[in-house]
C-alpha atoms as a PDB file:
ATOM      1  CA  UNK A   1     133.367 122.078 -44.589  1.00  0.00           C
ATOM      2  CA  UNK A   2     130.046 120.977 -43.125  1.00  0.00           C
ATOM      3  CA  UNK A   3     129.710 117.356 -42.083  1.00  0.00           C
ATOM      4  CA  UNK A   4     126.777 116.728 -44.424  1.00  0.00           C
ATOM      5  CA  UNK A   5     128.882 117.782 -47.417  1.00  0.00           C
ATOM      6  CA  UNK A   6     132.022 115.898 -46.428  1.00  0.00           C
ATOM      7  CA  UNK A   7     132.143 112.617 -48.361  1.00  0.00           C
ATOM      8  CA  UNK A   8     135.304 111.568 -46.486  1.00  0.00           C
ATOM      9  CA  UNK A   9     133.344 111.164 -43.232  1.00  0.00           C
ATOM     10  CA  UNK A  10     130.585 109.073 -44.818  1.00  0.00           C
ATOM     11  CA  UNK A  11     133.107 106.937 -46.695  1.00  0.00           C
ATOM     12  CA  UNK A  12     134.978 106.200 -43.458  1.00  0.00           C
ATOM     13  CA  UNK A  13     131.753 105.270 -41.640  1.00  0.00           C
ATOM     14  CA  UNK A  14     131.031 102.742 -44.375  1.00  0.00           C
ATOM     15  CA  UNK A  15     134.538 101.274 -44.391  1.00  0.00           C
ATOM     16  CA  UNK A  16     134.470 100.927 -40.605  1.00  0.00           C
ATOM     17  CA  UNK A  17     131.110  99.110 -40.761  1.00  0.00           C
ATOM     18  CA  UNK A  18     132.259  96.859 -43.601  1.00  0.00           C
ATOM     19  CA  UNK A  19     135.479  96.022 -41.768  1.00  0.00           C
ATOM     20  CA  UNK A  20     133.429  95.123 -38.717  1.00  0.00           C
ATOM     21  CA  UNK A  21     131.171  93.065 -40.957  1.00  0.00           C
ATOM     22  CA  UNK A  22     134.110  91.150 -42.369  1.00  0.00           C
ATOM     23  CA  UNK A  23     135.085  89.974 -38.871  1.00  0.00           C
ATOM     24  CA  UNK A  24     131.545  88.910 -37.951  1.00  0.00           C
ATOM     25  CA  UNK A  25     130.974  87.250 -41.327  1.00  0.00           C
ATOM     26  CA  UNK A  26     133.801  84.833 -40.605  1.00  0.00           C
ATOM     27  CA  UNK A  27     132.250  84.069 -37.222  1.00  0.00           C
ATOM     28  CA  UNK A  28     128.760  83.608 -38.648  1.00  0.00           C
ATOM     29  CA  UNK A  29     129.904  81.262 -41.432  1.00  0.00           C
ATOM     30  CA  UNK A  30     130.725  78.696 -38.748  1.00  0.00           C
ATOM     31  CA  UNK A  31     126.994  78.089 -38.332  1.00  0.00           C
ATOM     32  CA  UNK A  32     125.358  79.382 -41.524  1.00  0.00           C
ATOM     33  CA  UNK A  33     125.778  78.425 -45.156  1.00  0.00           C
ATOM     34  CA  UNK A  34     126.943  81.280 -47.441  1.00  0.00           C
ATOM     35  CA  UNK A  35     123.563  81.682 -49.164  1.00  0.00           C
ATOM     36  CA  UNK A  36     121.529  81.614 -45.947  1.00  0.00           C
ATOM     37  CA  UNK A  37     123.854  84.126 -44.322  1.00  0.00           C
ATOM     38  CA  UNK A  38     123.487  86.430 -47.316  1.00  0.00           C
ATOM     39  CA  UNK A  39     119.695  86.378 -47.109  1.00  0.00           C
ATOM     40  CA  UNK A  40     119.532  86.803 -43.323  1.00  0.00           C
ATOM     41  CA  UNK A  41     121.998  89.694 -43.374  1.00  0.00           C
ATOM     42  CA  UNK A  42     120.012  91.712 -45.907  1.00  0.00           C
ATOM     43  CA  UNK A  43     116.630  90.662 -44.547  1.00  0.00           C
ATOM     44  CA  UNK A  44     117.616  92.298 -41.261  1.00  0.00           C
ATOM     45  CA  UNK A  45     119.000  95.295 -43.166  1.00  0.00           C
ATOM     46  CA  UNK A  46     115.766  95.692 -45.148  1.00  0.00           C
ATOM     47  CA  UNK A  47     113.580  95.460 -42.027  1.00  0.00           C
ATOM     48  CA  UNK A  48     115.640  98.075 -40.187  1.00  0.00           C
ATOM     49  CA  UNK A  49     115.475 100.314 -43.243  1.00  0.00           C
ATOM     50  CA  UNK A  50     111.692  99.924 -43.469  1.00  0.00           C
ATOM     51  CA  UNK A  51     111.434 101.389 -39.973  1.00  0.00           C
ATOM     52  CA  UNK A  52     113.762 104.223 -40.979  1.00  0.00           C
ATOM     53  CA  UNK A  53     111.811 104.836 -44.207  1.00  0.00           C
ATOM     54  CA  UNK A  54     108.492 105.066 -42.331  1.00  0.00           C
ATOM     55  CA  UNK A  55     109.962 107.613 -39.924  1.00  0.00           C
ATOM     56  CA  UNK A  56     111.323 109.891 -42.661  1.00  0.00           C
ATOM     57  CA  UNK A  57     108.376 109.185 -45.006  1.00  0.00           C
ATOM     58  CA  UNK A  58     110.538 108.199 -47.932  1.00  0.00           C
ATOM     59  CA  UNK A  59     109.254 109.112 -51.386  1.00  0.00           C
ATOM     60  CA  UNK A  60     108.790 106.336 -53.934  1.00  0.00           C
ATOM     61  CA  UNK A  61     110.943 106.481 -57.086  1.00  0.00           C
ATOM     62  CA  UNK A  62     109.552 107.203 -60.536  1.00  0.00           C
ATOM     63  CA  UNK A  63     108.281 104.040 -62.223  1.00  0.00           C
ATOM     64  CA  UNK A  64     110.633 104.637 -65.164  1.00  0.00           C
ATOM     65  CA  UNK A  65     113.613 104.365 -62.795  1.00  0.00           C
ATOM     66  CA  UNK A  66     112.517 101.149 -61.072  1.00  0.00           C
ATOM     67  CA  UNK A  67     114.684  99.124 -63.457  1.00  0.00           C
ATOM     68  CA  UNK A  68     117.795 100.960 -62.247  1.00  0.00           C
ATOM     69  CA  UNK A  69     116.975 100.231 -58.613  1.00  0.00           C
ATOM     70  CA  UNK A  70     116.396  96.563 -59.450  1.00  0.00           C
ATOM     71  CA  UNK A  71     119.785  96.451 -61.178  1.00  0.00           C
ATOM     72  CA  UNK A  72     121.363  98.164 -58.176  1.00  0.00           C
ATOM     73  CA  UNK A  73     119.872  95.584 -55.815  1.00  0.00           C
ATOM     74  CA  UNK A  74     120.806  92.774 -58.187  1.00  0.00           C
ATOM     75  CA  UNK A  75     124.507  93.653 -58.478  1.00  0.00           C
ATOM     76  CA  UNK A  76     125.071  95.282 -55.079  1.00  0.00           C
ATOM     77  CA  UNK A  77     123.311  92.742 -52.892  1.00  0.00           C
ATOM     78  CA  UNK A  78     122.088  89.636 -54.706  1.00  0.00           C
ATOM     79  CA  UNK A  79     125.064  88.822 -56.959  1.00  0.00           C
ATOM     80  CA  UNK A  80     127.688  90.364 -54.682  1.00  0.00           C
ATOM     81  CA  UNK A  81     126.742  88.544 -51.471  1.00  0.00           C
ATOM     82  CA  UNK A  82     126.347  85.198 -53.268  1.00  0.00           C
ATOM     83  CA  UNK A  83     129.710  85.382 -55.040  1.00  0.00           C
ATOM     84  CA  UNK A  84     131.522  86.842 -52.033  1.00  0.00           C
ATOM     85  CA  UNK A  85     130.246  84.320 -49.490  1.00  0.00           C
ATOM     86  CA  UNK A  86     130.827  81.315 -51.759  1.00  0.00           C
ATOM     87  CA  UNK A  87     134.279  82.585 -52.693  1.00  0.00           C
ATOM     88  CA  UNK A  88     135.197  83.156 -49.053  1.00  0.00           C
ATOM     89  CA  UNK A  89     134.533  79.489 -48.308  1.00  0.00           C
ATOM     90  CA  UNK A  90     136.805  78.246 -51.089  1.00  0.00           C
ATOM     91  CA  UNK A  91     139.887  80.458 -50.714  1.00  0.00           C
ATOM     92  CA  UNK A  92     142.001  81.800 -47.878  1.00  0.00           C
ATOM     93  CA  UNK A  93     140.922  84.985 -46.120  1.00  0.00           C
ATOM     94  CA  UNK A  94     143.995  86.846 -47.398  1.00  0.00           C
ATOM     95  CA  UNK A  95     143.259  85.948 -51.013  1.00  0.00           C
ATOM     96  CA  UNK A  96     139.623  86.961 -50.653  1.00  0.00           C
ATOM     97  CA  UNK A  97     140.448  90.342 -49.135  1.00  0.00           C
ATOM     98  CA  UNK A  98     143.028  91.004 -51.837  1.00  0.00           C
ATOM     99  CA  UNK A  99     140.590  90.370 -54.670  1.00  0.00           C
ATOM    100  CA  UNK A 100     137.826  92.522 -53.161  1.00  0.00           C
ATOM    101  CA  UNK A 101     140.393  95.276 -52.580  1.00  0.00           C
ATOM    102  CA  UNK A 102     140.779  95.449 -56.360  1.00  0.00           C
ATOM    103  CA  UNK A 103     137.276  96.978 -56.554  1.00  0.00           C
ATOM    104  CA  UNK A 104     138.494 100.621 -56.524  1.00  0.00           C
ATOM    105  CA  UNK A 105     140.756  99.909 -59.497  1.00  0.00           C
ATOM    106  CA  UNK A 106     137.962  98.172 -61.439  1.00  0.00           C
ATOM    107  CA  UNK A 107     135.524 100.972 -60.546  1.00  0.00           C
ATOM    108  CA  UNK A 108     137.986 103.663 -61.657  1.00  0.00           C
ATOM    109  CA  UNK A 109     138.461 101.974 -65.014  1.00  0.00           C
ATOM    110  CA  UNK A 110     134.698 101.506 -65.513  1.00  0.00           C
ATOM    111  CA  UNK A 111     133.976 105.118 -64.484  1.00  0.00           C
ATOM    112  CA  UNK A 112     136.552 106.386 -66.952  1.00  0.00           C
ATOM    113  CA  UNK A 113     135.009 104.338 -69.773  1.00  0.00           C
ATOM    114  CA  UNK A 114     131.308 104.890 -68.981  1.00  0.00           C
ATOM    115  CA  UNK A 115     131.237 108.318 -67.315  1.00  0.00           C
ATOM    116  CA  UNK A 116     134.496 109.678 -68.750  1.00  0.00           C
ATOM    117  CA  UNK A 117     135.610 110.648 -65.267  1.00  0.00           C
ATOM    118  CA  UNK A 118     139.138 111.968 -65.235  1.00  0.00           C
ATOM    119  CA  UNK A 119     141.894 110.860 -62.885  1.00  0.00           C
ATOM    120  CA  UNK A 120     145.227 112.598 -62.704  1.00  0.00           C
ATOM    121  CA  UNK A 121     148.471 110.691 -63.048  1.00  0.00           C
ATOM    122  CA  UNK A 122     149.206 111.240 -59.358  1.00  0.00           C
ATOM    123  CA  UNK A 123     145.890 109.522 -58.487  1.00  0.00           C
ATOM    124  CA  UNK A 124     146.711 106.473 -60.591  1.00  0.00           C
ATOM    125  CA  UNK A 125     150.050 106.400 -58.807  1.00  0.00           C
ATOM    126  CA  UNK A 126     148.256 106.585 -55.437  1.00  0.00           C
ATOM    127  CA  UNK A 127     146.027 103.628 -56.384  1.00  0.00           C
ATOM    128  CA  UNK A 128     149.106 101.544 -57.187  1.00  0.00           C
ATOM    129  CA  UNK A 129     150.707 102.507 -53.856  1.00  0.00           C
ATOM    130  CA  UNK A 130     147.618 101.456 -51.889  1.00  0.00           C
ATOM    131  CA  UNK A 131     147.265  98.172 -53.745  1.00  0.00           C
ATOM    132  CA  UNK A 132     150.895  97.393 -52.913  1.00  0.00           C
ATOM    133  CA  UNK A 133     150.118  98.122 -49.264  1.00  0.00           C
ATOM    134  CA  UNK A 134     147.252  95.631 -49.344  1.00  0.00           C
ATOM    135  CA  UNK A 135     149.549  93.026 -50.924  1.00  0.00           C
ATOM    136  CA  UNK A 136     152.101  93.497 -48.138  1.00  0.00           C
ATOM    137  CA  UNK A 137     149.450  93.005 -45.434  1.00  0.00           C
ATOM    138  CA  UNK A 138     147.909  89.944 -47.016  1.00  0.00           C
ATOM    139  CA  UNK A 139     150.742  88.157 -48.785  1.00  0.00           C
ATOM    140  CA  UNK A 140     153.879  88.994 -46.793  1.00  0.00           C
ATOM    141  CA  UNK A 141     154.204  85.441 -45.497  1.00  0.00           C
ATOM    142  CA  UNK A 142     151.599  83.736 -47.636  1.00  0.00           C
ATOM    143  CA  UNK A 143     150.927  82.385 -51.097  1.00  0.00           C
ATOM    144  CA  UNK A 144     148.142  83.509 -53.401  1.00  0.00           C
ATOM    145  CA  UNK A 145     146.054  80.398 -53.920  1.00  0.00           C
ATOM    146  CA  UNK A 146     144.265  80.021 -57.241  1.00  0.00           C
ATOM    147  CA  UNK A 147     141.110  77.906 -57.406  1.00  0.00           C
ATOM    148  CA  UNK A 148     137.414  78.208 -58.187  1.00  0.00           C
ATOM    149  CA  UNK A 149     136.968  80.505 -55.183  1.00  0.00           C
ATOM    150  CA  UNK A 150     139.204  83.072 -56.846  1.00  0.00           C
ATOM    151  CA  UNK A 151     136.833  83.247 -59.810  1.00  0.00           C
ATOM    152  CA  UNK A 152     133.852  83.780 -57.491  1.00  0.00           C
ATOM    153  CA  UNK A 153     135.633  86.652 -55.743  1.00  0.00           C
ATOM    154  CA  UNK A 154     136.615  88.311 -59.012  1.00  0.00           C
ATOM    155  CA  UNK A 155     132.931  88.234 -59.949  1.00  0.00           C
ATOM    156  CA  UNK A 156     132.100  89.752 -56.538  1.00  0.00           C
ATOM    157  CA  UNK A 157     134.559  92.586 -57.104  1.00  0.00           C
ATOM    158  CA  UNK A 158     133.161  93.298 -60.582  1.00  0.00           C
ATOM    159  CA  UNK A 159     129.603  93.196 -59.227  1.00  0.00           C
ATOM    160  CA  UNK A 160     130.449  95.680 -56.459  1.00  0.00           C
ATOM    161  CA  UNK A 161     132.099  97.972 -59.012  1.00  0.00           C
ATOM    162  CA  UNK A 162     128.932  97.966 -61.150  1.00  0.00           C
ATOM    163  CA  UNK A 163     126.908  98.727 -58.016  1.00  0.00           C
ATOM    164  CA  UNK A 164     129.118 101.730 -57.260  1.00  0.00           C
ATOM    165  CA  UNK A 165     128.518 103.137 -60.741  1.00  0.00           C
ATOM    166  CA  UNK A 166     124.753 102.571 -60.478  1.00  0.00           C
ATOM    167  CA  UNK A 167     124.750 104.374 -57.123  1.00  0.00           C
ATOM    168  CA  UNK A 168     126.590 107.276 -58.709  1.00  0.00           C
ATOM    169  CA  UNK A 169     123.997 107.465 -61.490  1.00  0.00           C
ATOM    170  CA  UNK A 170     120.967 107.218 -59.201  1.00  0.00           C
ATOM    171  CA  UNK A 171     122.197 109.767 -56.646  1.00  0.00           C
ATOM    172  CA  UNK A 172     122.190 112.411 -59.377  1.00  0.00           C
ATOM    173  CA  UNK A 173     118.373 112.187 -59.369  1.00  0.00           C
ATOM    174  CA  UNK A 174     117.464 110.750 -55.970  1.00  0.00           C
ATOM    175  CA  UNK A 175     118.667 111.295 -52.428  1.00  0.00           C
ATOM    176  CA  UNK A 176     121.273 108.952 -51.017  1.00  0.00           C
ATOM    177  CA  UNK A 177     118.666 107.631 -48.589  1.00  0.00           C
ATOM    178  CA  UNK A 178     116.250 106.763 -51.388  1.00  0.00           C
ATOM    179  CA  UNK A 179     118.936 105.039 -53.448  1.00  0.00           C
ATOM    180  CA  UNK A 180     120.194 102.913 -50.549  1.00  0.00           C
ATOM    181  CA  UNK A 181     116.751 101.996 -49.229  1.00  0.00           C
ATOM    182  CA  UNK A 182     115.269 100.842 -52.526  1.00  0.00           C
ATOM    183  CA  UNK A 183     118.468  99.083 -53.625  1.00  0.00           C
ATOM    184  CA  UNK A 184     118.551  97.061 -50.399  1.00  0.00           C
ATOM    185  CA  UNK A 185     114.837  96.285 -50.657  1.00  0.00           C
ATOM    186  CA  UNK A 186     115.110  94.929 -54.183  1.00  0.00           C
ATOM    187  CA  UNK A 187     118.250  93.001 -53.249  1.00  0.00           C
ATOM    188  CA  UNK A 188     116.475  91.427 -50.265  1.00  0.00           C
ATOM    189  CA  UNK A 189     113.474  90.510 -52.430  1.00  0.00           C
ATOM    190  CA  UNK A 190     115.767  88.692 -54.867  1.00  0.00           C
ATOM    191  CA  UNK A 191     117.441  86.874 -51.972  1.00  0.00           C
ATOM    192  CA  UNK A 192     114.075  85.503 -50.804  1.00  0.00           C
ATOM    193  CA  UNK A 193     114.776  82.354 -52.802  1.00  0.00           C
ATOM    194  CA  UNK A 194     117.095  81.327 -49.941  1.00  0.00           C
ATOM    195  CA  UNK A 195     114.416  81.846 -47.253  1.00  0.00           C
ATOM    196  CA  UNK A 196     113.449  78.183 -46.645  1.00  0.00           C
ATOM    197  CA  UNK A 197     116.992  76.993 -45.936  1.00  0.00           C
ATOM    198  CA  UNK A 198     117.705  80.098 -43.824  1.00  0.00           C
ATOM    199  CA  UNK A 199     114.759  79.334 -41.525  1.00  0.00           C
ATOM    200  CA  UNK A 200     116.009  75.778 -41.054  1.00  0.00           C
ATOM    201  CA  UNK A 201     119.517  76.920 -40.147  1.00  0.00           C
ATOM    202  CA  UNK A 202     118.639  79.778 -37.797  1.00  0.00           C
ATOM    203  CA  UNK A 203     116.599  77.521 -35.486  1.00  0.00           C
ATOM    204  CA  UNK A 204     119.639  75.664 -34.129  1.00  0.00           C
ATOM    205  CA  UNK A 205     122.259  78.436 -33.796  1.00  0.00           C
ATOM    206  CA  UNK A 206     123.566  79.753 -30.453  1.00  0.00           C
ATOM    207  CA  UNK A 207     122.087  83.092 -29.290  1.00  0.00           C
ATOM    208  CA  UNK A 208     125.367  84.923 -29.918  1.00  0.00           C
ATOM    209  CA  UNK A 209     124.970  84.176 -33.635  1.00  0.00           C
ATOM    210  CA  UNK A 210     121.769  86.220 -33.621  1.00  0.00           C
ATOM    211  CA  UNK A 211     123.805  89.138 -32.286  1.00  0.00           C
ATOM    212  CA  UNK A 212     126.289  88.669 -35.127  1.00  0.00           C
ATOM    213  CA  UNK A 213     123.416  88.708 -37.628  1.00  0.00           C
ATOM    214  CA  UNK A 214     122.034  91.942 -36.162  1.00  0.00           C
ATOM    215  CA  UNK A 215     125.435  93.605 -36.427  1.00  0.00           C
ATOM    216  CA  UNK A 216     125.833  92.406 -40.003  1.00  0.00           C
ATOM    217  CA  UNK A 217     122.343  93.511 -40.998  1.00  0.00           C
ATOM    218  CA  UNK A 218     122.069  96.857 -39.222  1.00  0.00           C
ATOM    219  CA  UNK A 219     125.633  98.190 -39.267  1.00  0.00           C
ATOM    220  CA  UNK A 220     127.443  96.336 -42.072  1.00  0.00           C
ATOM    221  CA  UNK A 221     124.206  96.436 -44.064  1.00  0.00           C
ATOM    222  CA  UNK A 222     121.819  99.357 -43.600  1.00  0.00           C
ATOM    223  CA  UNK A 223     124.109 101.967 -41.998  1.00  0.00           C
ATOM    224  CA  UNK A 224     127.070 101.145 -44.240  1.00  0.00           C
ATOM    225  CA  UNK A 225     125.210 101.368 -47.543  1.00  0.00           C
ATOM    226  CA  UNK A 226     123.308 104.547 -46.665  1.00  0.00           C
ATOM    227  CA  UNK A 227     126.609 106.200 -45.721  1.00  0.00           C
ATOM    228  CA  UNK A 228     128.191 104.873 -48.926  1.00  0.00           C
ATOM    229  CA  UNK A 229     125.424 106.386 -51.064  1.00  0.00           C
ATOM    230  CA  UNK A 230     125.862 109.720 -49.272  1.00  0.00           C
ATOM    231  CA  UNK A 231     129.589 109.635 -49.965  1.00  0.00           C
ATOM    232  CA  UNK A 232     129.078 108.820 -53.660  1.00  0.00           C
ATOM    233  CA  UNK A 233     126.543 111.635 -54.011  1.00  0.00           C
ATOM    234  CA  UNK A 234     128.863 114.235 -52.463  1.00  0.00           C
ATOM    235  CA  UNK A 235     132.171 113.365 -54.159  1.00  0.00           C
ATOM    236  CA  UNK A 236     133.345 114.786 -57.478  1.00  0.00           C
ATOM    237  CA  UNK A 237     134.015 111.316 -58.880  1.00  0.00           C
ATOM    238  CA  UNK A 238     133.391 107.683 -57.955  1.00  0.00           C
ATOM    239  CA  UNK A 239     137.060 106.839 -57.446  1.00  0.00           C
ATOM    240  CA  UNK A 240     137.462 109.401 -54.663  1.00  0.00           C
ATOM    241  CA  UNK A 241     135.021 107.328 -52.603  1.00  0.00           C
ATOM    242  CA  UNK A 242     135.901 103.764 -53.660  1.00  0.00           C
ATOM    243  CA  UNK A 243     139.538 104.587 -52.972  1.00  0.00           C
ATOM    244  CA  UNK A 244     138.703 104.254 -49.272  1.00  0.00           C
ATOM    245  CA  UNK A 245     138.119 100.525 -49.759  1.00  0.00           C
ATOM    246  CA  UNK A 246     141.881 100.020 -49.619  1.00  0.00           C
ATOM    247  CA  UNK A 247     141.589 100.697 -45.880  1.00  0.00           C
ATOM    248  CA  UNK A 248     139.353  97.673 -45.295  1.00  0.00           C
ATOM    249  CA  UNK A 249     142.128  95.065 -44.784  1.00  0.00           C
ATOM    250  CA  UNK A 250     143.932  97.376 -42.357  1.00  0.00           C
ATOM    251  CA  UNK A 251     140.820  98.164 -40.299  1.00  0.00           C
ATOM    252  CA  UNK A 252     139.801  94.506 -40.329  1.00  0.00           C
ATOM    253  CA  UNK A 253     143.193  93.588 -38.873  1.00  0.00           C
ATOM    254  CA  UNK A 254     142.851  96.266 -36.181  1.00  0.00           C
ATOM    255  CA  UNK A 255     139.332  95.118 -35.292  1.00  0.00           C
ATOM    256  CA  UNK A 256     140.675  91.581 -35.099  1.00  0.00           C
ATOM    257  CA  UNK A 257     143.039  92.825 -32.390  1.00  0.00           C
ATOM    258  CA  UNK A 258     140.180  94.309 -30.387  1.00  0.00           C
ATOM    259  CA  UNK A 259     137.709  91.463 -30.879  1.00  0.00           C
ATOM    260  CA  UNK A 260     140.050  88.463 -30.972  1.00  0.00           C
ATOM    261  CA  UNK A 261     143.043  89.765 -28.989  1.00  0.00           C
ATOM    262  CA  UNK A 262     145.379  89.316 -31.977  1.00  0.00           C
ATOM    263  CA  UNK A 263     148.793  90.989 -31.969  1.00  0.00           C
ATOM    264  CA  UNK A 264     149.585  92.989 -35.149  1.00  0.00           C
ATOM    265  CA  UNK A 265     152.494  91.709 -37.208  1.00  0.00           C
ATOM    266  CA  UNK A 266     155.118  93.755 -38.991  1.00  0.00           C
ATOM    267  CA  UNK A 267     153.425  93.446 -42.403  1.00  0.00           C
ATOM    268  CA  UNK A 268     150.224  94.980 -40.993  1.00  0.00           C
ATOM    269  CA  UNK A 269     152.131  97.971 -39.682  1.00  0.00           C
ATOM    270  CA  UNK A 270     154.171  98.492 -42.873  1.00  0.00           C
ATOM    271  CA  UNK A 271     151.272  97.809 -45.248  1.00  0.00           C
ATOM    272  CA  UNK A 272     148.937 100.037 -43.248  1.00  0.00           C
ATOM    273  CA  UNK A 273     151.367 102.941 -43.389  1.00  0.00           C
ATOM    274  CA  UNK A 274     151.659 102.526 -47.166  1.00  0.00           C
ATOM    275  CA  UNK A 275     147.865 102.399 -47.591  1.00  0.00           C
ATOM    276  CA  UNK A 276     147.353 105.576 -45.550  1.00  0.00           C
ATOM    277  CA  UNK A 277     150.093 107.321 -47.541  1.00  0.00           C
ATOM    278  CA  UNK A 278     148.425 106.359 -50.818  1.00  0.00           C
ATOM    279  CA  UNK A 279     145.023 107.551 -49.615  1.00  0.00           C
ATOM    280  CA  UNK A 280     146.531 110.850 -48.510  1.00  0.00           C
ATOM    281  CA  UNK A 281     148.107 111.362 -51.939  1.00  0.00           C
ATOM    282  CA  UNK A 282     144.908 110.434 -53.818  1.00  0.00           C
ATOM    283  CA  UNK A 283     142.558 112.703 -51.854  1.00  0.00           C
ATOM    284  CA  UNK A 284     144.654 115.603 -50.621  1.00  0.00           C
ATOM    285  CA  UNK A 285     147.724 116.016 -52.865  1.00  0.00           C
ATOM    286  CA  UNK A 286     146.186 118.777 -54.982  1.00  0.00           C
ATOM    287  CA  UNK A 287     144.584 120.573 -52.036  1.00  0.00           C
ATOM    288  CA  UNK A 288     147.820 120.753 -50.059  1.00  0.00           C
ATOM    289  CA  UNK A 289     150.798 120.720 -52.397  1.00  0.00           C
ATOM    290  CA  UNK A 290     149.444 122.412 -55.533  1.00  0.00           C
ATOM    291  CA  UNK A 291     147.546 125.052 -53.573  1.00  0.00           C
ATOM    292  CA  UNK A 292     150.617 125.661 -51.453  1.00  0.00           C
ATOM    293  CA  UNK A 293     152.762 126.152 -54.563  1.00  0.00           C
ATOM    294  CA  UNK A 294     150.218 128.574 -56.026  1.00  0.00           C
ATOM    295  CA  UNK A 295     150.642 130.752 -52.941  1.00  0.00           C
ATOM    296  CA  UNK A 296     154.268 131.251 -53.923  1.00  0.00           C
ATOM    297  CA  UNK A 297     153.425 132.336 -57.478  1.00  0.00           C
END
């Protein structure tokens, strides 16, 4: 299979960038407020995408579809980054990651209702396996705290699920590059209301925080979402792509080892193995086991 038609590769690029972004978000929140960080992250992403769009001479969308791009930017960037950043301040990191990891389940349910996408029983089983793996990583020695932050993060997960469905709809008519570029632009425009406070905060931060912002904007922002749109446009259904989000807690833990010299604990190893097993079942069970059995018929 050619790389450009392989949604698995693009999905993994996105998950790697998002996992990296999760680590740097925690570092950046030491100096920035949640709303300012959200604006600065996607301002940088939109600027880098403008340069990319000028190079490839991106085509403007039809005026009748502008409303869908605005909705995509609204749910995928404006609402999501506000609810996620505020929620991350009010709850533990483990609780936050757990709630966001519910996005594939919410997306699968929405896709089934709205698009009538079909999932086999084995795929539902795989989703349950992966969610259990996430729970082991995040809650093995902890307690799920319930407060107002939990509500914010549930809203973030729902918002990201709606964004995934909008991306799926738009990539049936437009290229993945067009969908990502215009969604980020509209999201950044909506986030402009936080510009004044962002300017005040960025003046006094250490230089290394600017590096964190660039990583968040370029890699966890522009690169990640363009790759995500490519993956959604190439896959047979939305859930095949969003299923990769279960890897985020595992990759975040591994990146924490590399960036913060943290030693992995037993729950990370066990939970990670379970997550990978569930992903394998979801994406490759039919291709390997059913095809293999057909060869014997």
